[in-house]
PDB file of N, CA and C in Angstrom:
ATOM      1  N   MET A   1     285.816  78.097 191.799  1.00  0.00           N
ATOM      2  CA  MET A   1     285.426  78.959 190.216  1.00  0.00           C
ATOM      3  C   MET A   1     285.657  77.729 189.695  1.00  0.00           C
ATOM      4  N   GLU A   2     286.987  76.957 189.636  1.00  0.00           N
ATOM      5  CA  GLU A   2     287.531  76.518 188.245  1.00  0.00           C
ATOM      6  C   GLU A   2     288.010  75.544 189.172  1.00  0.00           C
ATOM      7  N   THR A   3     287.283  74.180 190.283  1.00  0.00           N
ATOM      8  CA  THR A   3     287.134  74.045 190.775  1.00  0.00           C
ATOM      9  C   THR A   3     286.274  72.170 190.152  1.00  0.00           C
ATOM     10  N   ILE A   4     285.217  74.043 190.416  1.00  0.00           N
ATOM     11  CA  ILE A   4     283.584  74.093 189.044  1.00  0.00           C
ATOM     12  C   ILE A   4     283.873  73.561 187.809  1.00  0.00           C
ATOM     13  N   LEU A   5     284.396  74.583 186.625  1.00  0.00           N
ATOM     14  CA  LEU A   5     285.098  73.362 185.275  1.00  0.00           C
ATOM     15  C   LEU A   5     285.897  72.011 185.667  1.00  0.00           C
ATOM     16  N   LYS A   6     286.877  72.063 187.412  1.00  0.00           N
ATOM     17  CA  LYS A   6     287.355  71.281 186.702  1.00  0.00           C
ATOM     18  C   LYS A   6     285.729  69.461 186.839  1.00  0.00           C
ATOM     19  N   GLY A   7     285.577  70.350 187.716  1.00  0.00           N
ATOM     20  CA  GLY A   7     284.307  68.653 188.360  1.00  0.00           C
ATOM     21  C   GLY A   7     283.615  69.170 186.680  1.00  0.00           C
ATOM     22  N   PHE A   8     283.405  69.972 186.190  1.00  0.00           N
ATOM     23  CA  PHE A   8     282.161  69.874 184.842  1.00  0.00           C
ATOM     24  C   PHE A   8     283.022  69.027 183.691  1.00  0.00           C
ATOM     25  N   ILE A   9     284.733  69.494 183.622  1.00  0.00           N
ATOM     26  CA  ILE A   9     284.776  69.332 182.719  1.00  0.00           C
ATOM     27  C   ILE A   9     284.935  67.277 182.661  1.00  0.00           C
ATOM     28  N   LYS A  10     285.085  67.056 183.521  1.00  0.00           N
ATOM     29  CA  LYS A  10     285.133  64.921 184.464  1.00  0.00           C
ATOM     30  C   LYS A  10     283.805  64.557 183.620  1.00  0.00           C
ATOM     31  N   GLN A  11     283.387  64.781 185.117  1.00  0.00           N
ATOM     32  CA  GLN A  11     281.792  64.233 183.739  1.00  0.00           C
ATOM     33  C   GLN A  11     281.681  64.977 182.964  1.00  0.00           C
ATOM     34  N   CYS A  12     281.577  65.504 181.822  1.00  0.00           N
ATOM     35  CA  CYS A  12     281.832  65.561 180.543  1.00  0.00           C
ATOM     36  C   CYS A  12     282.284  64.371 180.011  1.00  0.00           C
ATOM     37  N   ILE A  13     283.578  63.873 180.662  1.00  0.00           N
ATOM     38  CA  ILE A  13     284.616  62.771 180.227  1.00  0.00           C
ATOM     39  C   ILE A  13     283.650  63.060 180.318  1.00  0.00           C
ATOM     40  N   CYS A  14     283.733  61.885 181.068  1.00  0.00           N
ATOM     41  CA  CYS A  14     283.084  60.520 182.218  1.00  0.00           C
ATOM     42  C   CYS A  14     281.723  60.410 180.585  1.00  0.00           C
ATOM     43  N   ILE A  15     281.177  61.117 180.643  1.00  0.00           N
ATOM     44  CA  ILE A  15     279.887  60.764 179.931  1.00  0.00           C
ATOM     45  C   ILE A  15     279.779  59.957 178.829  1.00  0.00           C
ATOM     46  N   LEU A  16     280.935  61.337 178.340  1.00  0.00           N
ATOM     47  CA  LEU A  16     281.665  60.397 176.532  1.00  0.00           C
ATOM     48  C   LEU A  16     281.713  59.135 176.785  1.00  0.00           C
ATOM     49  N   ILE A  17     283.220  58.813 178.345  1.00  0.00           N
ATOM     50  CA  ILE A  17     283.008  56.872 177.565  1.00  0.00           C
ATOM     51  C   ILE A  17     282.163  56.575 177.718  1.00  0.00           C
ATOM     52  N   LEU A  18     281.419  56.845 178.837  1.00  0.00           N
ATOM     53  CA  LEU A  18     280.068  55.496 178.685  1.00  0.00           C
ATOM     54  C   LEU A  18     279.119  55.671 177.395  1.00  0.00           C
ATOM     55  N   CYS A  19     279.494  56.620 176.841  1.00  0.00           N
ATOM     56  CA  CYS A  19     278.863  56.920 175.370  1.00  0.00           C
ATOM     57  C   CYS A  19     279.415  56.401 174.242  1.00  0.00           C
ATOM     58  N   PHE A  20     281.414  55.868 174.550  1.00  0.00           N
ATOM     59  CA  PHE A  20     281.626  54.889 173.994  1.00  0.00           C
ATOM     60  C   PHE A  20     280.915  54.024 174.014  1.00  0.00           C
ATOM     61  N   CYS A  21     281.175  53.359 174.931  1.00  0.00           N
ATOM     62  CA  CYS A  21     280.946  52.152 175.083  1.00  0.00           C
ATOM     63  C   CYS A  21     279.561  51.973 174.782  1.00  0.00           C
ATOM     64  N   PHE A  22     278.411  51.771 174.499  1.00  0.00           N
ATOM     65  CA  PHE A  22     277.817  52.696 175.083  1.00  0.00           C
ATOM     66  C   PHE A  22     277.963  51.966 173.089  1.00  0.00           C
ATOM     67  N   LEU A  23     278.263  53.328 172.481  1.00  0.00           N
ATOM     68  CA  LEU A  23     277.895  52.250 170.898  1.00  0.00           C
ATOM     69  C   LEU A  23     279.209  51.335 171.119  1.00  0.00           C
ATOM     70  N   CYS A  24     280.193  51.157 171.268  1.00  0.00           N
ATOM     71  CA  CYS A  24     280.218  49.642 171.302  1.00  0.00           C
ATOM     72  C   CYS A  24     279.979  48.197 171.718  1.00  0.00           C
ATOM     73  N   VAL A  25     279.250  48.670 172.860  1.00  0.00           N
ATOM     74  CA  VAL A  25     278.094  46.926 172.976  1.00  0.00           C
ATOM     75  C   VAL A  25     277.579  46.699 171.633  1.00  0.00           C
ATOM     76  N   HIS A  26     276.884  48.108 171.211  1.00  0.00           N
ATOM     77  CA  HIS A  26     275.677  47.446 170.770  1.00  0.00           C
ATOM     78  C   HIS A  26     276.627  47.288 168.873  1.00  0.00           C
ATOM     79  N   ALA A  27     277.258  47.875 168.364  1.00  0.00           N
ATOM     80  CA  ALA A  27     278.188  47.919 167.655  1.00  0.00           C
ATOM     81  C   ALA A  27     279.082  46.858 167.238  1.00  0.00           C
ATOM     82  N   GLU A  28     278.451  45.351 168.087  1.00  0.00           N
ATOM     83  CA  GLU A  28     279.539  44.231 168.046  1.00  0.00           C
ATOM     84  C   GLU A  28     277.626  43.530 167.949  1.00  0.00           C
ATOM     85  N   GLU A  29     276.847  43.657 168.580  1.00  0.00           N
ATOM     86  CA  GLU A  29     276.245  42.993 168.282  1.00  0.00           C
ATOM     87  C   GLU A  29     275.248  43.035 166.141  1.00  0.00           C
ATOM     88  N   PHE A  30     275.489  44.569 165.627  1.00  0.00           N
ATOM     89  CA  PHE A  30     275.025  44.128 165.119  1.00  0.00           C
ATOM     90  C   PHE A  30     275.340  43.416 163.588  1.00  0.00           C
ATOM     91  N   GLU A  31     274.705  43.112 162.625  1.00  0.00           N
ATOM     92  CA  GLU A  31     275.661  41.976 162.026  1.00  0.00           C
ATOM     93  C   GLU A  31     275.174  42.093 160.282  1.00  0.00           C
ATOM     94  N   TYR A  32     276.697  42.762 159.959  1.00  0.00           N
ATOM     95  CA  TYR A  32     276.072  43.092 158.893  1.00  0.00           C
ATOM     96  C   TYR A  32     275.959  42.145 157.626  1.00  0.00           C
ATOM     97  N   PRO A  33     275.145  43.189 155.997  1.00  0.00           N
ATOM     98  CA  PRO A  33     275.145  41.773 155.186  1.00  0.00           C
ATOM     99  C   PRO A  33     276.234  42.010 154.867  1.00  0.00           C
ATOM    100  N   TYR A  34     277.337  41.967 154.124  1.00  0.00           N
ATOM    101  CA  TYR A  34     278.438  41.221 153.412  1.00  0.00           C
ATOM    102  C   TYR A  34     280.083  41.472 154.778  1.00  0.00           C
ATOM    103  N   GLY A  35     280.282  40.138 155.477  1.00  0.00           N
ATOM    104  CA  GLY A  35     281.668  40.044 156.022  1.00  0.00           C
ATOM    105  C   GLY A  35     282.567  40.202 155.091  1.00  0.00           C
ATOM    106  N   ILE A  36     283.900  39.904 155.502  1.00  0.00           N
ATOM    107  CA  ILE A  36     285.206  39.256 154.918  1.00  0.00           C
ATOM    108  C   ILE A  36     285.309  38.950 153.642  1.00  0.00           C
ATOM    109  N   LEU A  37     284.425  37.222 153.384  1.00  0.00           N
ATOM    110  CA  LEU A  37     284.869  37.110 152.572  1.00  0.00           C
ATOM    111  C   LEU A  37     283.173  37.423 152.304  1.00  0.00           C
ATOM    112  N   THR A  38     282.999  38.312 151.189  1.00  0.00           N
ATOM    113  CA  THR A  38     282.230  38.049 151.328  1.00  0.00           C
ATOM    114  C   THR A  38     281.508  37.982 148.919  1.00  0.00           C
ATOM    115  N   HIS A  39     280.239  37.366 149.287  1.00  0.00           N
ATOM    116  CA  HIS A  39     280.004  36.883 147.291  1.00  0.00           C
ATOM    117  C   HIS A  39     280.331  38.654 146.797  1.00  0.00           C
ATOM    118  N   ARG A  40     280.429  39.253 146.715  1.00  0.00           N
ATOM    119  CA  ARG A  40     280.295  41.282 145.540  1.00  0.00           C
ATOM    120  C   ARG A  40     282.211  40.529 145.008  1.00  0.00           C
ATOM    121  N   ASP A  41     281.730  42.037 144.065  1.00  0.00           N
ATOM    122  CA  ASP A  41     282.421  42.686 142.894  1.00  0.00           C
ATOM    123  C   ASP A  41     283.202  44.051 143.930  1.00  0.00           C
ATOM    124  N   PRO A  42     284.411  44.020 144.606  1.00  0.00           N
ATOM    125  CA  PRO A  42     284.895  44.905 145.517  1.00  0.00           C
ATOM    126  C   PRO A  42     283.731  46.845 144.186  1.00  0.00           C
ATOM    127  N   LEU A  43     284.416  46.513 143.182  1.00  0.00           N
ATOM    128  CA  LEU A  43     283.653  47.428 142.454  1.00  0.00           C
ATOM    129  C   LEU A  43     282.365  47.468 142.286  1.00  0.00           C
ATOM    130  N   ASN A  44     281.593  46.956 142.126  1.00  0.00           N
ATOM    131  CA  ASN A  44     280.238  47.260 141.989  1.00  0.00           C
ATOM    132  C   ASN A  44     279.797  47.958 143.491  1.00  0.00           C
ATOM    133  N   PRO A  45     278.740  49.055 143.134  1.00  0.00           N
ATOM    134  CA  PRO A  45     277.965  49.219 144.543  1.00  0.00           C
ATOM    135  C   PRO A  45     277.437  48.093 145.085  1.00  0.00           C
ATOM    136  N   LEU A  46     277.617  48.947 146.364  1.00  0.00           N
ATOM    137  CA  LEU A  46     276.507  47.899 147.720  1.00  0.00           C
ATOM    138  C   LEU A  46     275.177  48.126 147.317  1.00  0.00           C
ATOM    139  N   VAL A  47     274.770  49.397 147.447  1.00  0.00           N
ATOM    140  CA  VAL A  47     273.133  48.783 146.476  1.00  0.00           C
ATOM    141  C   VAL A  47     273.061  49.672 145.565  1.00  0.00           C
ATOM    142  N   ASN A  48     271.611  48.945 144.996  1.00  0.00           N
ATOM    143  CA  ASN A  48     271.333  49.769 144.075  1.00  0.00           C
ATOM    144  C   ASN A  48     270.228  50.889 144.188  1.00  0.00           C
ATOM    145  N   SER A  49     269.003  51.109 142.992  1.00  0.00           N
ATOM    146  CA  SER A  49     268.803  52.454 142.710  1.00  0.00           C
ATOM    147  C   SER A  49     266.860  52.423 144.232  1.00  0.00           C
ATOM    148  N   ARG A  50     266.802  50.961 144.256  1.00  0.00           N
ATOM    149  CA  ARG A  50     265.872  50.363 145.568  1.00  0.00           C
ATOM    150  C   ARG A  50     266.108  50.393 147.079  1.00  0.00           C
ATOM    151  N   GLY A  51     268.137  50.925 147.127  1.00  0.00           N
ATOM    152  CA  GLY A  51     268.146  50.670 148.666  1.00  0.00           C
ATOM    153  C   GLY A  51     268.709  49.464 148.773  1.00  0.00           C
ATOM    154  N   GLU A  52     268.347  48.056 148.298  1.00  0.00           N
ATOM    155  CA  GLU A  52     268.549  47.157 148.243  1.00  0.00           C
ATOM    156  C   GLU A  52     270.008  46.672 147.900  1.00  0.00           C
ATOM    157  N   VAL A  53     270.186  45.522 149.384  1.00  0.00           N
ATOM    158  CA  VAL A  53     272.458  45.886 149.095  1.00  0.00           C
ATOM    159  C   VAL A  53     272.167  43.981 148.140  1.00  0.00           C
ATOM    160  N   LEU A  54     273.685  44.938 147.544  1.00  0.00           N
ATOM    161  CA  LEU A  54     273.950  43.622 146.548  1.00  0.00           C
ATOM    162  C   LEU A  54     274.875  43.312 146.798  1.00  0.00           C
ATOM    163  N   LEU A  55     275.139  41.893 146.993  1.00  0.00           N
ATOM    164  CA  LEU A  55     275.141  40.672 146.968  1.00  0.00           C
ATOM    165  C   LEU A  55     276.050  40.313 144.957  1.00  0.00           C
ATOM    166  N   LYS A  56     277.090  40.313 144.491  1.00  0.00           N
ATOM    167  CA  LYS A  56     277.142  40.830 143.509  1.00  0.00           C
ATOM    168  C   LYS A  56     277.718  38.850 143.110  1.00  0.00           C
ATOM    169  N   ALA A  57     279.250  38.280 143.592  1.00  0.00           N
ATOM    170  CA  ALA A  57     279.089  37.750 143.218  1.00  0.00           C
ATOM    171  C   ALA A  57     278.983  35.933 142.967  1.00  0.00           C
ATOM    172  N   LYS A  58     279.016  35.421 143.013  1.00  0.00           N
ATOM    173  CA  LYS A  58     278.236  33.946 143.537  1.00  0.00           C
ATOM    174  C   LYS A  58     278.837  32.494 143.681  1.00  0.00           C
ATOM    175  N   LYS A  59     279.427  32.799 145.222  1.00  0.00           N
ATOM    176  CA  LYS A  59     280.099  30.350 144.619  1.00  0.00           C
ATOM    177  C   LYS A  59     279.556  29.712 143.895  1.00  0.00           C
ATOM    178  N   GLU A  60     280.536  29.426 142.743  1.00  0.00           N
ATOM    179  CA  GLU A  60     280.379  28.325 142.142  1.00  0.00           C
ATOM    180  C   GLU A  60     281.098  27.150 143.264  1.00  0.00           C
ATOM    181  N   SER A  61     282.538  26.488 143.451  1.00  0.00           N
ATOM    182  CA  SER A  61     282.985  25.773 144.301  1.00  0.00           C
ATOM    183  C   SER A  61     283.516  26.405 145.851  1.00  0.00           C
ATOM    184  N   PRO A  62     283.089  25.364 146.586  1.00  0.00           N
ATOM    185  CA  PRO A  62     283.504  24.888 148.667  1.00  0.00           C
ATOM    186  C   PRO A  62     284.916  26.476 148.423  1.00  0.00           C
ATOM    187  N   ASP A  63     284.329  26.834 149.335  1.00  0.00           N
ATOM    188  CA  ASP A  63     285.786  27.587 149.354  1.00  0.00           C
ATOM    189  C   ASP A  63     286.256  28.441 148.249  1.00  0.00           C
ATOM    190  N   LEU A  64     286.180  28.804 147.580  1.00  0.00           N
ATOM    191  CA  LEU A  64     286.475  29.938 146.900  1.00  0.00           C
ATOM    192  C   LEU A  64     285.519  30.466 146.754  1.00  0.00           C
ATOM    193  N   PHE A  65     285.351  31.948 146.454  1.00  0.00           N
ATOM    194  CA  PHE A  65     285.025  33.163 146.690  1.00  0.00           C
ATOM    195  C   PHE A  65     285.481  33.965 146.005  1.00  0.00           C
ATOM    196  N   LEU A  66     284.804  33.858 144.766  1.00  0.00           N
ATOM    197  CA  LEU A  66     285.200  34.775 143.562  1.00  0.00           C
ATOM    198  C   LEU A  66     284.605  36.203 143.687  1.00  0.00           C
ATOM    199  N   GLN A  67     285.711  37.788 144.472  1.00  0.00           N
ATOM    200  CA  GLN A  67     285.210  38.766 145.489  1.00  0.00           C
ATOM    201  C   GLN A  67     284.987  39.398 143.317  1.00  0.00           C
ATOM    202  N   GLY A  68     285.911  40.043 143.085  1.00  0.00           N
ATOM    203  CA  GLY A  68     285.972  40.528 141.982  1.00  0.00           C
ATOM    204  C   GLY A  68     287.440  40.810 141.223  1.00  0.00           C
ATOM    205  N   ILE A  69     286.700  40.646 140.024  1.00  0.00           N
ATOM    206  CA  ILE A  69     287.770  41.494 138.817  1.00  0.00           C
ATOM    207  C   ILE A  69     288.638  42.759 138.311  1.00  0.00           C
ATOM    208  N   ILE A  70     289.157  42.893 138.242  1.00  0.00           N
ATOM    209  CA  ILE A  70     290.064  43.669 136.871  1.00  0.00           C
ATOM    210  C   ILE A  70     290.459  43.506 135.895  1.00  0.00           C
ATOM    211  N   TYR A  71     289.575  43.613 135.229  1.00  0.00           N
ATOM    212  CA  TYR A  71     290.105  43.118 133.242  1.00  0.00           C
ATOM    213  C   TYR A  71     290.565  44.454 133.272  1.00  0.00           C
ATOM    214  N   SER A  72     291.665  43.538 131.484  1.00  0.00           N
ATOM    215  CA  SER A  72     292.692  44.915 131.271  1.00  0.00           C
ATOM    216  C   SER A  72     293.102  43.489 130.228  1.00  0.00           C
ATOM    217  N   GLU A  73     293.551  44.286 128.482  1.00  0.00           N
ATOM    218  CA  GLU A  73     294.022  43.649 127.852  1.00  0.00           C
ATOM    219  C   GLU A  73     295.140  42.789 128.336  1.00  0.00           C
ATOM    220  N   LYS A  74     296.227  44.763 128.791  1.00  0.00           N
ATOM    221  CA  LYS A  74     297.790  44.079 129.019  1.00  0.00           C
ATOM    222  C   LYS A  74     298.410  43.006 130.058  1.00  0.00           C
ATOM    223  N   GLY A  75     296.595  42.782 130.624  1.00  0.00           N
ATOM    224  CA  GLY A  75     296.646  42.372 132.523  1.00  0.00           C
ATOM    225  C   GLY A  75     295.678  42.553 133.416  1.00  0.00           C
ATOM    226  N   SER A  76     295.003  40.780 133.361  1.00  0.00           N
ATOM    227  CA  SER A  76     293.981  41.164 134.646  1.00  0.00           C
ATOM    228  C   SER A  76     294.629  39.684 136.283  1.00  0.00           C
ATOM    229  N   ALA A  77     293.414  40.711 136.549  1.00  0.00           N
ATOM    230  CA  ALA A  77     293.964  40.080 138.454  1.00  0.00           C
ATOM    231  C   ALA A  77     292.804  40.390 139.000  1.00  0.00           C
ATOM    232  N   ALA A  78     292.708  39.604 140.183  1.00  0.00           N
ATOM    233  CA  ALA A  78     291.390  38.599 140.213  1.00  0.00           C
ATOM    234  C   ALA A  78     291.694  38.799 141.528  1.00  0.00           C
ATOM    235  N   VAL A  79     290.269  39.020 142.532  1.00  0.00           N
ATOM    236  CA  VAL A  79     290.176  38.738 144.170  1.00  0.00           C
ATOM    237  C   VAL A  79     289.054  37.768 144.590  1.00  0.00           C
ATOM    238  N   ILE A  80     289.375  36.725 144.867  1.00  0.00           N
ATOM    239  CA  ILE A  80     289.192  35.909 145.170  1.00  0.00           C
ATOM    240  C   ILE A  80     289.879  35.434 146.605  1.00  0.00           C
ATOM    241  N   ASN A  81     289.503  35.796 148.100  1.00  0.00           N
ATOM    242  CA  ASN A  81     289.028  35.424 149.022  1.00  0.00           C
ATOM    243  C   ASN A  81     289.991  36.114 149.717  1.00  0.00           C
ATOM    244  N   ASN A  82     289.638  36.972 149.102  1.00  0.00           N
ATOM    245  CA  ASN A  82     290.485  38.400 149.564  1.00  0.00           C
ATOM    246  C   ASN A  82     291.574  38.334 149.376  1.00  0.00           C
ATOM    247  N   GLU A  83     292.189  37.571 147.927  1.00  0.00           N
ATOM    248  CA  GLU A  83     293.575  37.888 147.674  1.00  0.00           C
ATOM    249  C   GLU A  83     293.787  38.636 146.331  1.00  0.00           C
ATOM    250  N   LEU A  84     294.631  39.491 146.327  1.00  0.00           N
ATOM    251  CA  LEU A  84     294.848  39.522 144.110  1.00  0.00           C
ATOM    252  C   LEU A  84     295.682  38.658 143.513  1.00  0.00           C
ATOM    253  N   PHE A  85     295.111  37.729 142.225  1.00  0.00           N
ATOM    254  CA  PHE A  85     295.776  36.805 141.813  1.00  0.00           C
ATOM    255  C   PHE A  85     295.938  37.356 140.375  1.00  0.00           C
ATOM    256  N   HIS A  86     296.484  36.949 139.702  1.00  0.00           N
ATOM    257  CA  HIS A  86     296.498  37.119 138.264  1.00  0.00           C
ATOM    258  C   HIS A  86     297.218  36.172 137.363  1.00  0.00           C
ATOM    259  N   GLU A  87     297.088  36.048 135.810  1.00  0.00           N
ATOM    260  CA  GLU A  87     296.905  34.440 135.691  1.00  0.00           C
ATOM    261  C   GLU A  87     298.662  33.754 135.738  1.00  0.00           C
ATOM    262  N   GLY A  88     297.764  32.522 135.793  1.00  0.00           N
ATOM    263  CA  GLY A  88     298.958  32.632 135.932  1.00  0.00           C
ATOM    264  C   GLY A  88     299.520  31.903 137.395  1.00  0.00           C
ATOM    265  N   ASP A  89     298.933  31.926 138.480  1.00  0.00           N
ATOM    266  CA  ASP A  89     299.205  32.540 139.703  1.00  0.00           C
ATOM    267  C   ASP A  89     299.374  30.311 140.485  1.00  0.00           C
ATOM    268  N   LEU A  90     299.208  30.892 141.412  1.00  0.00           N
ATOM    269  CA  LEU A  90     298.395  29.646 142.205  1.00  0.00           C
ATOM    270  C   LEU A  90     297.808  29.656 143.616  1.00  0.00           C
ATOM    271  N   PHE A  91     296.988  29.404 143.217  1.00  0.00           N
ATOM    272  CA  PHE A  91     296.400  29.142 144.894  1.00  0.00           C
ATOM    273  C   PHE A  91     295.044  27.898 145.665  1.00  0.00           C
ATOM    274  N   GLU A  92     295.548  27.668 146.419  1.00  0.00           N
ATOM    275  CA  GLU A  92     295.978  26.250 147.519  1.00  0.00           C
ATOM    276  C   GLU A  92     294.693  25.770 146.207  1.00  0.00           C
ATOM    277  N   GLY A  93     296.456  24.613 145.742  1.00  0.00           N
ATOM    278  CA  GLY A  93     296.026  23.922 144.711  1.00  0.00           C
ATOM    279  C   GLY A  93     296.036  23.990 143.382  1.00  0.00           C
ATOM    280  N   TYR A  94     295.425  25.381 143.137  1.00  0.00           N
ATOM    281  CA  TYR A  94     294.861  25.551 142.080  1.00  0.00           C
ATOM    282  C   TYR A  94     295.019  26.746 141.571  1.00  0.00           C
ATOM    283  N   SER A  95     295.624  26.372 139.625  1.00  0.00           N
ATOM    284  CA  SER A  95     296.180  27.176 139.430  1.00  0.00           C
ATOM    285  C   SER A  95     295.575  28.376 138.199  1.00  0.00           C
ATOM    286  N   ILE A  96     295.852  29.607 137.887  1.00  0.00           N
ATOM    287  CA  ILE A  96     294.912  30.237 137.602  1.00  0.00           C
ATOM    288  C   ILE A  96     294.664  30.748 135.718  1.00  0.00           C
ATOM    289  N   GLU A  97     294.362  29.742 135.603  1.00  0.00           N
ATOM    290  CA  GLU A  97     294.455  29.823 134.127  1.00  0.00           C
ATOM    291  C   GLU A  97     293.932  30.899 133.591  1.00  0.00           C
ATOM    292  N   LYS A  98     293.161  32.037 133.107  1.00  0.00           N
ATOM    293  CA  LYS A  98     292.720  32.496 133.349  1.00  0.00           C
ATOM    294  C   LYS A  98     291.472  33.744 133.705  1.00  0.00           C
ATOM    295  N   ILE A  99     291.371  34.279 133.691  1.00  0.00           N
ATOM    296  CA  ILE A  99     290.906  35.625 133.577  1.00  0.00           C
ATOM    297  C   ILE A  99     290.022  36.169 132.381  1.00  0.00           C
ATOM    298  N   GLU A 100     289.050  36.109 132.731  1.00  0.00           N
ATOM    299  CA  GLU A 100     288.037  37.089 131.622  1.00  0.00           C
ATOM    300  C   GLU A 100     287.384  38.461 132.461  1.00  0.00           C
ATOM    301  N   ARG A 101     286.312  38.866 131.868  1.00  0.00           N
ATOM    302  CA  ARG A 101     285.243  40.413 132.440  1.00  0.00           C
ATOM    303  C   ARG A 101     285.273  39.797 133.453  1.00  0.00           C
ATOM    304  N   ARG A 102     284.186  38.254 133.333  1.00  0.00           N
ATOM    305  CA  ARG A 102     283.057  38.305 133.734  1.00  0.00           C
ATOM    306  C   ARG A 102     282.728  36.734 134.981  1.00  0.00           C
ATOM    307  N   ARG A 103     284.882  36.213 134.756  1.00  0.00           N
ATOM    308  CA  ARG A 103     284.508  34.794 134.812  1.00  0.00           C
ATOM    309  C   ARG A 103     286.028  34.733 135.082  1.00  0.00           C
ATOM    310  N   VAL A 104     286.533  33.568 135.933  1.00  0.00           N
ATOM    311  CA  VAL A 104     288.042  32.906 136.496  1.00  0.00           C
ATOM    312  C   VAL A 104     288.457  31.237 136.171  1.00  0.00           C
ATOM    313  N   ILE A 105     288.731  30.886 135.666  1.00  0.00           N
ATOM    314  CA  ILE A 105     289.199  29.309 135.324  1.00  0.00           C
ATOM    315  C   ILE A 105     290.289  29.601 136.063  1.00  0.00           C
ATOM    316  N   LEU A 106     290.134  28.389 136.958  1.00  0.00           N
ATOM    317  CA  LEU A 106     291.518  27.670 137.379  1.00  0.00           C
ATOM    318  C   LEU A 106     290.731  25.919 137.049  1.00  0.00           C
ATOM    319  N   LYS A 107     292.168  25.168 137.206  1.00  0.00           N
ATOM    320  CA  LYS A 107     292.686  24.131 137.119  1.00  0.00           C
ATOM    321  C   LYS A 107     292.963  23.595 138.911  1.00  0.00           C
ATOM    322  N   LYS A 108     292.694  23.131 139.056  1.00  0.00           N
ATOM    323  CA  LYS A 108     293.467  21.848 140.010  1.00  0.00           C
ATOM    324  C   LYS A 108     293.046  20.302 138.856  1.00  0.00           C
ATOM    325  N   ASP A 109     294.319  19.919 139.475  1.00  0.00           N
ATOM    326  CA  ASP A 109     294.733  18.161 139.116  1.00  0.00           C
ATOM    327  C   ASP A 109     293.854  18.307 137.774  1.00  0.00           C
ATOM    328  N   ASP A 110     293.722  18.993 137.080  1.00  0.00           N
ATOM    329  CA  ASP A 110     293.148  18.049 135.333  1.00  0.00           C
ATOM    330  C   ASP A 110     291.260  18.898 135.408  1.00  0.00           C
ATOM    331  N   LYS A 111     291.434  19.222 136.624  1.00  0.00           N
ATOM    332  CA  LYS A 111     290.141  19.901 137.147  1.00  0.00           C
ATOM    333  C   LYS A 111     289.862  21.034 136.906  1.00  0.00           C
ATOM    334  N   GLU A 112     288.924  21.551 135.561  1.00  0.00           N
ATOM    335  CA  GLU A 112     288.340  22.698 135.476  1.00  0.00           C
ATOM    336  C   GLU A 112     287.610  24.025 136.024  1.00  0.00           C
ATOM    337  N   VAL A 113     287.637  24.532 136.636  1.00  0.00           N
ATOM    338  CA  VAL A 113     287.576  25.047 137.847  1.00  0.00           C
ATOM    339  C   VAL A 113     286.626  26.977 137.789  1.00  0.00           C
ATOM    340  N   ILE A 114     285.468  27.008 137.284  1.00  0.00           N
ATOM    341  CA  ILE A 114     285.050  28.565 135.932  1.00  0.00           C
ATOM    342  C   ILE A 114     283.931  29.339 138.231  1.00  0.00           C
ATOM    343  N   LEU A 115     284.699  30.279 138.017  1.00  0.00           N
ATOM    344  CA  LEU A 115     283.859  31.301 138.534  1.00  0.00           C
ATOM    345  C   LEU A 115     283.490  32.069 138.644  1.00  0.00           C
ATOM    346  N   LYS A 116     282.033  32.546 138.370  1.00  0.00           N
ATOM    347  CA  LYS A 116     281.314  33.772 137.312  1.00  0.00           C
ATOM    348  C   LYS A 116     281.044  34.811 138.444  1.00  0.00           C
ATOM    349  N   LEU A 117     281.122  35.695 137.911  1.00  0.00           N
ATOM    350  CA  LEU A 117     280.511  36.682 139.244  1.00  0.00           C
ATOM    351  C   LEU A 117     278.767  37.190 137.693  1.00  0.00           C
ATOM    352  N   GLU A 118     277.621  37.550 138.692  1.00  0.00           N
ATOM    353  CA  GLU A 118     276.684  37.308 138.467  1.00  0.00           C
ATOM    354  C   GLU A 118     276.968  39.410 137.590  1.00  0.00           C
ATOM    355  N   GLU A 119     274.790  39.081 136.853  1.00  0.00           N
ATOM    356  CA  GLU A 119     275.270  40.353 136.443  1.00  0.00           C
ATOM    357  C   GLU A 119     274.946  41.279 136.790  1.00  0.00           C
ATOM    358  N   GLU A 120     275.051  42.178 136.830  1.00  0.00           N
ATOM    359  CA  GLU A 120     274.317  43.295 137.178  1.00  0.00           C
ATOM    360  C   GLU A 120     272.460  43.847 137.466  1.00  0.00           C
ATOM    361  N   GLU A 121     271.384  44.124 137.954  1.00  0.00           N
ATOM    362  CA  GLU A 121     270.730  44.590 137.778  1.00  0.00           C
ATOM    363  C   GLU A 121     270.623  45.575 137.004  1.00  0.00           C
TER     364      GLU A 121
END
């Protein structure tokens, strides 16, 4: 009886391993609608009331992705390219000049770049 139970347990473990491998292979094939450098505010919902995926920030300048803003009168922060920045910080040659409620003003070589968040629906 004990031998039968051990055999059954081994079969269950093998089946679980096969299921896990199957799920891992198919998870790699799934294309997520937002990746590491998404164009959305991480503080806003991912879907609207109709179930549509929302990507809430737009790309205003090449290689600069404004993902979110944490705004406060005492000190604000912005998430750009998956990194958190405050006013005065330097980022890839840009100076973070000002962080407002819906936009960030950057400066590089006397050129001003404005990254904006889209309005919610």
